N, C-alpha and C. Protein backbone atom coordinates (compact mmCIF):
# COMPACT_ATOMS: atom_id res chain seq x y z
N UNK A 1 12.48 1.45 31.20
CA UNK A 1 10.74 2.20 31.03
C UNK A 1 10.48 2.15 31.73
N UNK A 2 9.10 3.22 31.73
CA UNK A 2 7.94 2.65 33.13
C UNK A 2 7.04 1.84 33.35
N UNK A 3 5.99 1.31 33.18
CA UNK A 3 5.03 0.37 33.83
C UNK A 3 4.77 0.01 32.65
N UNK A 4 4.37 1.29 31.60
CA UNK A 4 3.10 1.35 30.66
C UNK A 4 4.33 -0.26 29.48
N UNK A 5 5.16 -0.05 29.91
CA UNK A 5 6.04 -0.83 28.61
C UNK A 5 6.03 -2.69 28.73
N UNK A 6 5.54 -2.55 30.12
CA UNK A 6 5.26 -4.12 31.19
C UNK A 6 3.20 -4.46 30.39
N UNK A 7 3.27 -3.54 30.58
CA UNK A 7 1.14 -3.22 30.28
C UNK A 7 0.79 -3.73 29.40
N UNK A 8 1.13 -2.86 28.64
CA UNK A 8 0.60 -2.95 26.88
C UNK A 8 1.25 -2.89 25.97
N UNK A 9 1.74 -4.91 25.90
CA UNK A 9 1.59 -5.36 25.50
C UNK A 9 0.93 -5.96 23.77
N UNK A 10 1.58 -5.48 22.36
CA UNK A 10 0.68 -6.16 21.36
C UNK A 10 1.80 -7.42 21.45
N UNK A 11 0.84 -7.98 20.90
CA UNK A 11 1.04 -9.26 20.20
C UNK A 11 0.45 -10.58 19.28
N UNK A 12 1.67 -11.02 18.81
CA UNK A 12 0.72 -11.69 17.34
C UNK A 12 1.94 -12.95 16.83
N UNK A 13 1.24 -14.14 16.94
CA UNK A 13 1.69 -15.53 16.67
C UNK A 13 0.99 -16.29 15.62
N UNK A 14 2.15 -16.79 14.74
CA UNK A 14 1.39 -17.42 13.80
C UNK A 14 2.14 -18.67 13.08
N UNK A 15 1.56 -19.88 12.68
CA UNK A 15 2.43 -21.30 12.45
C UNK A 15 2.99 -20.27 11.02
N UNK A 16 3.70 -20.99 10.22
CA UNK A 16 4.47 -20.20 9.05
C UNK A 16 5.09 -21.56 8.56
N UNK A 17 4.48 -22.03 7.19
CA UNK A 17 5.16 -23.18 6.16
C UNK A 17 6.47 -23.41 5.99
N UNK A 18 7.53 -22.60 6.66
CA UNK A 18 8.84 -22.64 5.95
C UNK A 18 9.83 -22.77 6.96
N UNK A 19 10.70 -23.05 6.91
CA UNK A 19 12.17 -23.01 8.00
C UNK A 19 12.65 -21.99 8.66
N UNK A 20 13.27 -22.01 10.09
CA UNK A 20 13.93 -21.24 10.23
C UNK A 20 14.74 -20.31 9.34
N UNK A 21 15.32 -20.86 8.82
CA UNK A 21 16.29 -19.92 8.05
C UNK A 21 15.81 -18.97 6.72
N UNK A 22 13.99 -19.51 5.85
CA UNK A 22 13.70 -19.16 5.14
C UNK A 22 12.91 -18.10 5.67
N UNK A 23 12.22 -18.19 7.53
CA UNK A 23 11.77 -17.25 8.20
C UNK A 23 12.65 -15.73 8.39
N UNK A 24 13.94 -16.60 8.86
CA UNK A 24 14.58 -15.40 8.92
C UNK A 24 15.02 -14.15 7.41
N UNK A 25 15.06 -15.06 7.06
CA UNK A 25 15.40 -14.01 5.28
C UNK A 25 13.62 -13.05 5.15
N UNK A 26 13.05 -13.58 5.06
CA UNK A 26 11.56 -12.28 5.13
C UNK A 26 11.26 -12.09 6.46
N UNK A 27 11.98 -12.04 7.03
CA UNK A 27 12.48 -11.14 8.38
C UNK A 27 13.00 -10.10 8.30
N UNK A 28 14.20 -10.16 7.33
CA UNK A 28 15.32 -9.53 7.51
C UNK A 28 16.25 -9.20 6.12
N UNK A 29 14.85 -9.51 4.79
CA UNK A 29 16.36 -9.43 3.43
C UNK A 29 15.00 -8.21 3.07
N UNK A 30 15.23 -6.46 2.31
CA UNK A 30 14.81 -6.08 1.92
C UNK A 30 13.70 -6.13 0.84
N UNK A 31 13.88 -6.83 0.52
CA UNK A 31 12.99 -7.17 -1.11
C UNK A 31 11.50 -7.55 -0.51
N UNK A 32 12.44 -8.65 0.26
CA UNK A 32 11.13 -9.55 1.05
C UNK A 32 10.16 -8.40 1.90
N UNK A 33 11.24 -8.12 2.65
CA UNK A 33 9.69 -7.45 3.85
C UNK A 33 9.09 -6.85 2.76
N UNK A 34 9.75 -4.88 2.38
CA UNK A 34 8.71 -4.60 1.73
C UNK A 34 7.79 -5.62 1.04
N UNK A 35 7.58 -6.63 0.74
CA UNK A 35 6.59 -7.28 -0.09
C UNK A 35 4.84 -7.52 0.97
N UNK A 36 5.41 -7.66 2.34
CA UNK A 36 4.38 -8.20 2.92
C UNK A 36 4.14 -6.61 4.00
N UNK A 37 5.41 -5.71 4.28
CA UNK A 37 5.32 -5.02 5.42
C UNK A 37 4.96 -3.66 5.07
N UNK A 38 3.00 -4.00 4.04
CA UNK A 38 3.08 -2.13 4.26
C UNK A 38 3.92 -1.44 3.00
N UNK A 39 4.88 -2.07 2.49
CA UNK A 39 5.40 -1.52 1.08
C UNK A 39 6.26 -1.20 2.01
N UNK A 40 6.68 -1.12 2.73
CA UNK A 40 8.04 -0.74 3.57
C UNK A 40 9.52 -0.63 3.29
N UNK A 41 10.07 -0.04 3.22
CA UNK A 41 11.47 -0.20 2.73
C UNK A 41 12.49 -0.23 4.18
N UNK A 42 12.54 -1.45 4.15
CA UNK A 42 14.21 -1.98 5.97
C UNK A 42 15.16 -1.83 5.14
N UNK A 43 16.01 -1.40 5.89
CA UNK A 43 17.63 -1.19 5.94
C UNK A 43 17.27 -1.50 7.38
N UNK A 44 19.39 -2.27 7.11
CA UNK A 44 20.32 -2.58 8.30
C UNK A 44 20.62 -3.73 7.56
N UNK A 45 22.10 -4.01 8.90
CA UNK A 45 22.67 -4.88 8.96
C UNK A 45 22.11 -6.05 9.66
N UNK A 46 21.34 -5.58 10.37
CA UNK A 46 20.55 -6.38 11.46
C UNK A 46 22.23 -6.79 12.53
N UNK A 47 22.76 -6.43 12.42
CA UNK A 47 24.11 -6.75 13.92
C UNK A 47 23.97 -5.76 15.51
N UNK A 48 23.93 -6.55 16.35
CA UNK A 48 23.38 -6.18 17.32
C UNK A 48 24.28 -3.99 17.71
N UNK A 49 23.47 -3.19 18.26
CA UNK A 49 23.64 -2.04 17.76
C UNK A 49 23.58 -1.44 16.63
N UNK A 50 23.34 -2.16 15.55
CA UNK A 50 23.11 -1.50 14.32
C UNK A 50 22.01 -0.28 14.29
N UNK A 51 21.62 0.45 13.27
CA UNK A 51 20.42 1.40 13.56
C UNK A 51 19.61 0.11 12.06
N UNK A 52 18.47 0.19 12.77
CA UNK A 52 16.87 0.34 11.39
C UNK A 52 16.17 0.70 10.77
N UNK A 53 16.13 1.36 9.22
CA UNK A 53 15.18 2.03 9.17
C UNK A 53 13.70 1.81 8.28
N UNK A 54 13.04 2.06 8.93
CA UNK A 54 11.50 1.79 8.44
C UNK A 54 11.15 2.90 7.00
N UNK A 55 10.91 2.84 5.76
CA UNK A 55 10.46 4.42 5.25
C UNK A 55 9.43 3.85 4.76
N UNK A 56 8.61 4.97 3.96
CA UNK A 56 7.45 4.28 3.18
C UNK A 56 6.72 5.29 3.32
N UNK A 57 5.91 5.22 2.78
CA UNK A 57 4.07 5.72 2.72
C UNK A 57 2.74 5.29 3.65
N UNK A 58 2.72 6.26 4.44
CA UNK A 58 1.57 5.47 5.23
C UNK A 58 0.16 6.97 4.85
N UNK A 59 -0.85 6.44 4.34
CA UNK A 59 -1.93 7.68 4.01
C UNK A 59 -1.45 8.80 3.54
N UNK A 60 -0.74 8.43 2.17
CA UNK A 60 -0.44 9.49 1.72
C UNK A 60 1.18 10.34 1.60
N UNK A 61 1.66 10.31 3.15
CA UNK A 61 2.26 10.51 3.83
C UNK A 61 3.72 9.14 3.73
N UNK A 62 4.69 10.45 3.72
CA UNK A 62 6.23 9.41 3.36
C UNK A 62 6.63 9.78 5.45
N UNK A 63 7.22 8.16 5.90
CA UNK A 63 7.84 8.28 6.85
C UNK A 63 9.01 7.45 7.09
N UNK A 64 9.57 8.01 8.13
CA UNK A 64 10.94 7.01 7.82
C UNK A 64 10.92 6.58 9.82
N UNK A 65 10.93 5.50 10.57
CA UNK A 65 10.90 5.61 11.29
C UNK A 65 12.61 4.44 11.98
N UNK A 66 12.23 4.35 12.90
CA UNK A 66 13.42 3.89 13.06
C UNK A 66 13.87 3.17 14.81
N UNK A 67 15.09 2.16 14.70
CA UNK A 67 15.26 1.88 15.52
C UNK A 67 16.72 0.83 15.97
N UNK A 68 17.18 0.49 16.74
CA UNK A 68 18.08 -0.44 16.79
C UNK A 68 18.20 -1.57 17.31
N UNK A 69 19.06 -2.84 16.61
CA UNK A 69 19.31 -4.61 16.58
C UNK A 69 19.73 -3.78 18.11
N UNK A 70 19.31 -4.60 18.97
CA UNK A 70 19.31 -5.05 20.51
C UNK A 70 19.89 -6.67 20.50
N UNK A 71 19.70 -7.79 20.15
CA UNK A 71 19.93 -8.13 20.35
C UNK A 71 19.48 -9.45 18.67
N UNK A 72 20.59 -10.26 18.03
CA UNK A 72 19.81 -10.64 17.03
C UNK A 72 20.67 -12.60 17.02
N UNK A 73 20.02 -13.67 16.95
CA UNK A 73 20.57 -14.64 17.06
C UNK A 73 19.83 -15.42 15.86
N UNK A 74 20.40 -15.81 15.21
CA UNK A 74 19.90 -16.13 13.68
C UNK A 74 20.04 -17.54 13.53
N UNK A 75 19.12 -18.15 13.49
CA UNK A 75 17.74 -17.45 12.71
C UNK A 75 16.33 -17.62 13.53
N UNK A 76 16.86 -17.36 15.07
CA UNK A 76 15.43 -17.53 16.73
C UNK A 76 15.26 -16.46 16.56
N UNK A 77 16.10 -15.53 16.99
CA UNK A 77 15.73 -14.69 17.56
C UNK A 77 16.41 -12.82 17.07
N UNK A 78 15.59 -12.07 16.94
CA UNK A 78 15.89 -10.89 16.80
C UNK A 78 14.91 -9.97 17.36
N UNK A 79 15.28 -8.94 18.31
CA UNK A 79 15.34 -8.06 19.42
C UNK A 79 16.17 -6.32 18.50
N UNK A 80 14.24 -5.54 18.12
CA UNK A 80 14.93 -3.93 17.96
C UNK A 80 14.36 -3.19 18.90
N UNK A 81 15.20 -1.91 18.81
CA UNK A 81 14.21 -0.81 18.95
C UNK A 81 13.24 -0.52 18.17
N UNK A 82 12.11 0.57 18.12
CA UNK A 82 11.33 1.22 17.58
C UNK A 82 10.67 2.37 17.81
N UNK A 83 10.73 3.46 17.01
CA UNK A 83 10.44 4.83 17.30
C UNK A 83 9.84 5.30 15.92
N UNK A 84 8.66 6.08 16.28
CA UNK A 84 7.87 6.27 14.81
C UNK A 84 8.18 7.62 15.41
N UNK A 85 8.97 8.88 14.90
CA UNK A 85 8.72 10.13 14.69
C UNK A 85 6.73 10.56 14.36
N UNK A 86 6.21 9.89 13.67
CA UNK A 86 4.38 10.40 13.39
C UNK A 86 4.42 10.11 14.86
N UNK A 87 4.16 9.46 15.87
CA UNK A 87 3.63 9.81 16.75
C UNK A 87 3.57 11.35 17.77
N UNK A 88 4.73 11.68 17.57
CA UNK A 88 4.42 12.94 18.18
C UNK A 88 4.69 13.03 19.15
N UNK A 89 5.74 12.23 19.87
CA UNK A 89 6.22 12.19 21.24
C UNK A 89 7.58 12.66 20.53
N UNK A 90 8.65 12.99 22.01
CA UNK A 90 9.50 13.07 21.75
C UNK A 90 10.79 11.96 21.44
N UNK A 91 11.57 12.09 20.76
CA UNK A 91 12.13 10.92 20.52
C UNK A 91 13.41 10.76 21.64
N UNK A 92 13.40 10.07 22.86
CA UNK A 92 13.58 9.55 23.99
C UNK A 92 13.30 8.90 24.26
N UNK A 93 14.37 7.71 24.95
CA UNK A 93 14.18 6.22 25.28
C UNK A 93 12.42 5.87 26.08
N UNK A 94 12.09 6.50 26.76
CA UNK A 94 11.12 5.97 27.15
C UNK A 94 9.74 6.45 26.37
N UNK A 95 9.67 6.35 25.25
CA UNK A 95 8.89 6.67 24.57
C UNK A 95 9.46 5.56 22.94
N UNK A 96 10.22 4.52 23.02
CA UNK A 96 10.49 3.29 22.41
C UNK A 96 10.00 2.71 22.66
N UNK A 97 9.73 1.43 22.02
CA UNK A 97 9.02 0.28 21.43
C UNK A 97 10.34 -0.46 21.04
N UNK A 98 9.91 -1.61 22.02
CA UNK A 98 10.94 -3.13 21.82
C UNK A 98 10.11 -3.87 21.23
N UNK A 99 10.57 -4.37 19.96
CA UNK A 99 10.12 -5.79 19.47
C UNK A 99 10.54 -6.42 18.90
N UNK A 100 9.92 -7.91 19.37
CA UNK A 100 11.15 -9.20 20.09
C UNK A 100 10.15 -10.03 19.04
N UNK A 101 11.02 -10.35 17.42
CA UNK A 101 10.54 -11.65 16.92
C UNK A 101 11.50 -13.22 17.60
N UNK A 102 9.79 -14.00 17.76
CA UNK A 102 10.68 -15.35 18.38
C UNK A 102 10.23 -15.88 17.36
N UNK A 103 11.43 -16.92 16.48
CA UNK A 103 10.85 -17.96 15.60
C UNK A 103 11.42 -19.73 16.03
N UNK A 104 10.35 -20.40 16.64
CA UNK A 104 10.27 -21.32 16.54
C UNK A 104 9.73 -22.55 16.10
N UNK A 105 11.36 -23.82 16.31
CA UNK A 105 10.89 -24.78 14.82
C UNK A 105 9.63 -25.56 15.56
N UNK A 106 8.51 -25.87 14.31
CA UNK A 106 8.21 -27.30 15.10
C UNK A 106 7.66 -27.60 13.76
N UNK A 107 6.99 -29.13 13.92
CA UNK A 107 6.26 -29.70 12.42
C UNK A 107 6.06 -29.59 11.54
N UNK A 108 6.65 -29.71 10.60
CA UNK A 108 5.85 -28.42 9.15
C UNK A 108 6.17 -27.09 9.02
N UNK A 109 6.76 -26.75 10.04
CA UNK A 109 7.57 -25.56 9.85
C UNK A 109 8.09 -24.51 10.86
N UNK A 110 7.35 -23.31 10.99
CA UNK A 110 8.35 -22.38 12.70
C UNK A 110 6.80 -21.77 12.72
N UNK A 111 6.76 -21.64 14.01
CA UNK A 111 5.66 -20.44 14.53
C UNK A 111 6.55 -19.52 15.04
N UNK A 112 6.16 -17.90 14.05
CA UNK A 112 6.53 -17.00 14.71
C UNK A 112 5.80 -16.06 15.22
N UNK A 113 6.06 -15.53 16.39
CA UNK A 113 6.04 -14.96 17.27
C UNK A 113 6.34 -13.40 17.10
N UNK A 114 5.88 -12.23 17.53
CA UNK A 114 5.98 -10.44 17.61
C UNK A 114 5.02 -10.47 19.08
N UNK A 115 6.17 -9.57 19.55
CA UNK A 115 5.49 -8.25 21.44
C UNK A 115 6.52 -7.49 20.60
N UNK A 116 5.15 -6.31 20.67
CA UNK A 116 5.89 -5.22 20.46
C UNK A 116 4.71 -4.00 22.18
N UNK A 117 6.74 -3.76 22.53
CA UNK A 117 5.86 -3.03 24.43
C UNK A 117 5.99 -1.60 23.86
N UNK A 118 5.09 -1.24 24.81
CA UNK A 118 5.34 -0.09 25.23
C UNK A 118 4.09 0.90 24.74
N UNK A 119 3.10 0.31 24.30
CA UNK A 119 2.31 1.24 23.61
C UNK A 119 1.28 1.99 24.87
N UNK A 120 0.55 3.04 24.05
CA UNK A 120 0.03 3.77 25.31
C UNK A 120 -1.30 3.46 25.74
N UNK A 121 -2.05 2.50 25.41
CA UNK A 121 -3.36 1.99 26.08
C UNK A 121 -3.36 0.52 25.97
N UNK A 122 -4.02 -0.28 25.77
CA UNK A 122 -4.60 -1.68 26.26
C UNK A 122 -4.88 -1.52 24.46
N UNK A 123 -6.00 -0.65 24.22
CA UNK A 123 -6.68 -0.05 22.85
C UNK A 123 -5.96 0.02 21.24
N UNK A 124 -4.52 0.46 22.11
CA UNK A 124 -3.65 0.61 21.33
C UNK A 124 -2.74 -0.53 20.99
N UNK A 125 -2.68 -1.55 22.24
CA UNK A 125 -1.84 -3.16 21.57
C UNK A 125 -2.86 -3.00 21.08
N UNK A 126 -4.08 -3.46 20.91
CA UNK A 126 -4.92 -3.98 20.53
C UNK A 126 -4.72 -3.93 19.07
N UNK A 127 -4.96 -2.47 18.88
CA UNK A 127 -4.46 -1.99 17.12
C UNK A 127 -2.78 -3.21 16.48
N UNK A 128 -2.34 -2.74 17.60
CA UNK A 128 -0.75 -3.03 17.20
C UNK A 128 -0.42 -4.59 16.95
N UNK A 129 -1.69 -5.06 17.80
CA UNK A 129 -1.28 -6.57 17.39
C UNK A 129 -2.55 -7.89 16.03
N UNK A 130 -3.43 -6.36 15.86
CA UNK A 130 -4.51 -6.65 14.85
C UNK A 130 -2.59 -6.06 13.46
N UNK A 131 -2.58 -5.58 13.16
CA UNK A 131 -1.26 -4.61 12.46
C UNK A 131 -0.25 -6.54 12.21
N UNK A 132 -0.05 -6.44 13.55
CA UNK A 132 1.36 -7.48 13.41
C UNK A 132 0.71 -8.36 12.55
N UNK A 133 -0.19 -9.33 13.34
CA UNK A 133 -0.56 -10.61 12.86
C UNK A 133 -1.41 -10.17 10.71
N UNK A 134 -1.41 -9.02 10.12
CA UNK A 134 -1.75 -8.81 9.19
C UNK A 134 -0.37 -8.70 8.72
N UNK A 135 0.82 -8.20 9.51
CA UNK A 135 1.96 -8.16 8.65
C UNK A 135 2.78 -10.09 8.36
N UNK A 136 2.59 -10.49 9.44
CA UNK A 136 2.63 -11.91 9.72
C UNK A 136 2.11 -13.28 8.45
N UNK A 137 0.43 -12.74 8.41
CA UNK A 137 0.18 -13.59 7.38
C UNK A 137 0.64 -13.28 6.04
N UNK A 138 1.14 -11.67 6.17
CA UNK A 138 2.27 -11.82 4.85
C UNK A 138 3.17 -12.72 4.95
N UNK A 139 3.91 -12.65 5.80
CA UNK A 139 5.20 -12.99 6.02
C UNK A 139 5.21 -14.72 5.30
N UNK A 140 4.18 -15.02 6.39
CA UNK A 140 3.53 -16.89 5.84
C UNK A 140 3.53 -16.92 4.40
N UNK A 141 3.40 -16.02 3.74
CA UNK A 141 3.18 -16.40 2.06
C UNK A 141 4.17 -15.82 1.42
N UNK A 142 5.61 -15.36 1.91
CA UNK A 142 6.99 -15.05 1.40
C UNK A 142 7.86 -15.91 1.41
N UNK A 143 7.61 -16.99 3.30
CA UNK A 143 8.89 -17.24 3.99
C UNK A 143 9.19 -18.77 3.02
N UNK A 144 8.20 -19.51 2.19
CA UNK A 144 8.46 -20.34 1.83
C UNK A 144 9.02 -20.61 0.33
N UNK A 145 8.75 -19.16 -0.18
CA UNK A 145 9.88 -19.41 -1.08
C UNK A 145 10.92 -18.34 -0.95
N UNK A 146 11.27 -18.05 0.15
CA UNK A 146 12.85 -17.26 0.08
C UNK A 146 13.82 -18.10 0.28
């Protein structure tokens, strides 16, 4: 990947009042994901090499984004690629993003962090960081009962 991948990284992190297994379920169970991830239907078996699809509607338009599971170490680490045809870019590896979810057990719960690389600009990374924070806040409401 180009230098863009390492220079425009979206990040978000939040303490969640749930154990690692609960957070993992909240990240990978389609019914739970739909509750906090902007209504997205996620489909995957979460095995390394498997496809991940994210389908739904955004601003009245249907979408289906996709990626591949790069690494999975339940319940502590999940790394996927991500590509959205709505970006208007060619579906080639240099236009894909890598999304890394880290779950770190701490007293009283877990620290959940997300990184998404290969954003177009620092502004785009900041917008993505804000969206990820919203997603993590939603996950924090779902995970304790997962």
